[in-house]
Amino acid sequence: MDEEEAIPMPPQMDPTMAMRAMALSAVGDFMLFLGVIFVLLGVANFTTDFLKIKGSGEFSVGLALIAFALVLLMRSRLSIPKAAARRPAAHKPKEAKSDAYR
């Protein structure tokens, strides 16, 4: 008789290790967020000091962020139809004829 090979199962992660990994990931995301805020504040202060116009740094950084967000939104808008085309279509059940049940 043919013997079936055992399918190797992926290693299971300990639940405490998974929680620790998620917590470290959340802390890393938070620190990255704070770092980006401080970098943007520094760029805004530098621009204000360089141009000697009060508020010019915040204005220019705000415009740059808006432009960056628009570019990201346009790229994601273009990639959504490609992702939808790759996804298999949902199976629609056939409608039963009304005469079939009589």
Protein backbone atom coordinates (compact mmCIF):
# COMPACT_ATOMS: atom_id res chain seq x y z
CA MET A 1 0.00 0.00 0.00
CA ASP A 2 1.06 3.52 -0.64
CA GLU A 3 2.09 5.38 2.43
CA GLU A 4 1.23 9.05 2.56
CA GLU A 5 3.88 11.52 3.50
CA ALA A 6 3.16 13.63 6.52
CA ILE A 7 2.65 17.25 5.64
CA PRO A 8 5.02 19.36 7.72
CA MET A 9 3.13 21.82 9.86
CA PRO A 10 4.47 25.33 10.32
CA PRO A 11 6.01 25.93 13.73
CA GLN A 12 3.51 27.24 16.23
CA MET A 13 4.44 30.42 18.06
CA ASP A 14 4.01 30.59 21.80
CA PRO A 15 1.10 32.98 22.64
CA THR A 16 3.29 34.99 25.02
CA MET A 17 5.92 35.40 22.30
CA ALA A 18 3.24 36.54 19.84
CA MET A 19 1.95 39.13 22.32
CA ARG A 20 5.48 40.33 22.97
CA ALA A 21 6.12 40.68 19.22
CA MET A 22 2.88 42.63 18.74
CA ALA A 23 3.71 44.91 21.68
CA LEU A 24 7.20 45.60 20.34
CA SER A 25 5.72 46.32 16.91
CA ALA A 26 3.21 48.78 18.42
CA VAL A 27 5.95 50.54 20.40
CA GLY A 28 8.09 50.75 17.27
CA ASP A 29 5.19 52.25 15.27
CA PHE A 30 4.54 54.82 18.01
CA MET A 31 8.21 55.81 18.19
CA LEU A 32 8.32 56.13 14.40
CA PHE A 33 5.25 58.38 14.53
CA LEU A 34 6.88 60.60 17.17
CA GLY A 35 10.11 60.71 15.18
CA VAL A 36 8.30 61.86 12.05
CA ILE A 37 6.53 64.60 14.04
CA PHE A 38 9.83 65.89 15.46
CA VAL A 39 11.49 65.80 12.05
CA LEU A 40 8.62 67.78 10.53
CA LEU A 41 8.76 70.31 13.37
CA GLY A 42 12.50 70.69 12.87
CA VAL A 43 12.09 71.21 9.12
CA ALA A 44 9.36 73.79 9.78
CA ASN A 45 11.54 75.68 12.30
CA PHE A 46 14.55 75.59 9.98
CA THR A 47 12.50 76.93 7.07
CA THR A 48 11.04 79.69 9.24
CA ASP A 49 14.52 80.70 10.45
CA PHE A 50 15.96 80.52 6.93
CA LEU A 51 13.23 82.63 5.25
CA LYS A 52 12.79 84.95 8.26
CA ILE A 53 9.03 84.92 7.69
CA LYS A 54 6.96 83.77 10.66
CA GLY A 55 4.85 80.70 9.82
CA SER A 56 6.48 80.03 6.46
CA GLY A 57 7.99 76.74 7.64
CA GLU A 58 4.72 75.31 8.87
CA PHE A 59 3.00 76.43 5.68
CA SER A 60 5.62 74.87 3.41
CA VAL A 61 5.73 71.60 5.38
CA GLY A 62 1.91 71.46 5.27
CA LEU A 63 1.91 71.96 1.50
CA ALA A 64 4.56 69.26 1.09
CA LEU A 65 2.51 66.83 3.20
CA ILE A 66 -0.63 67.56 1.18
CA ALA A 67 1.26 67.00 -2.09
CA PHE A 68 2.73 63.73 -0.76
CA ALA A 69 -0.72 62.55 0.38
CA LEU A 70 -2.21 63.34 -3.03
CA VAL A 71 0.52 61.37 -4.78
CA LEU A 72 -0.10 58.39 -2.48
CA LEU A 73 -3.86 58.58 -3.04
CA MET A 74 -3.44 58.70 -6.82
CA ARG A 75 -1.10 55.70 -6.77
CA SER A 76 -3.47 53.71 -4.56
CA ARG A 77 -6.40 54.62 -6.80
CA LEU A 78 -4.52 53.21 -9.78
CA SER A 79 -3.56 50.01 -7.97
CA ILE A 80 -7.06 49.20 -6.65
CA PRO A 81 -8.50 48.11 -10.06
CA LYS A 82 -5.43 45.93 -10.64
CA ALA A 83 -5.94 44.21 -7.29
CA ALA A 84 -9.67 43.78 -7.96
CA ALA A 85 -8.95 42.22 -11.36
CA ARG A 86 -6.67 39.61 -9.78
CA ARG A 87 -9.26 38.57 -7.21
CA PRO A 88 -11.55 35.75 -8.39
CA ALA A 89 -15.15 36.79 -8.96
CA ALA A 90 -17.72 35.77 -6.37
CA HIS A 91 -19.83 32.79 -7.34
CA LYS A 92 -23.45 33.75 -7.86
CA PRO A 93 -26.00 30.97 -7.32
CA LYS A 94 -28.23 30.21 -10.25
CA GLU A 95 -31.77 31.45 -9.93
CA ALA A 96 -34.35 28.71 -9.86
CA LYS A 97 -37.19 28.78 -12.33
CA SER A 98 -40.53 29.47 -10.77
CA ASP A 99 -42.10 26.52 -12.65
CA ALA A 100 -39.59 24.04 -11.21
CA TYR A 101 -41.23 23.96 -7.78
CA ARG A 102 -44.80 23.32 -8.94
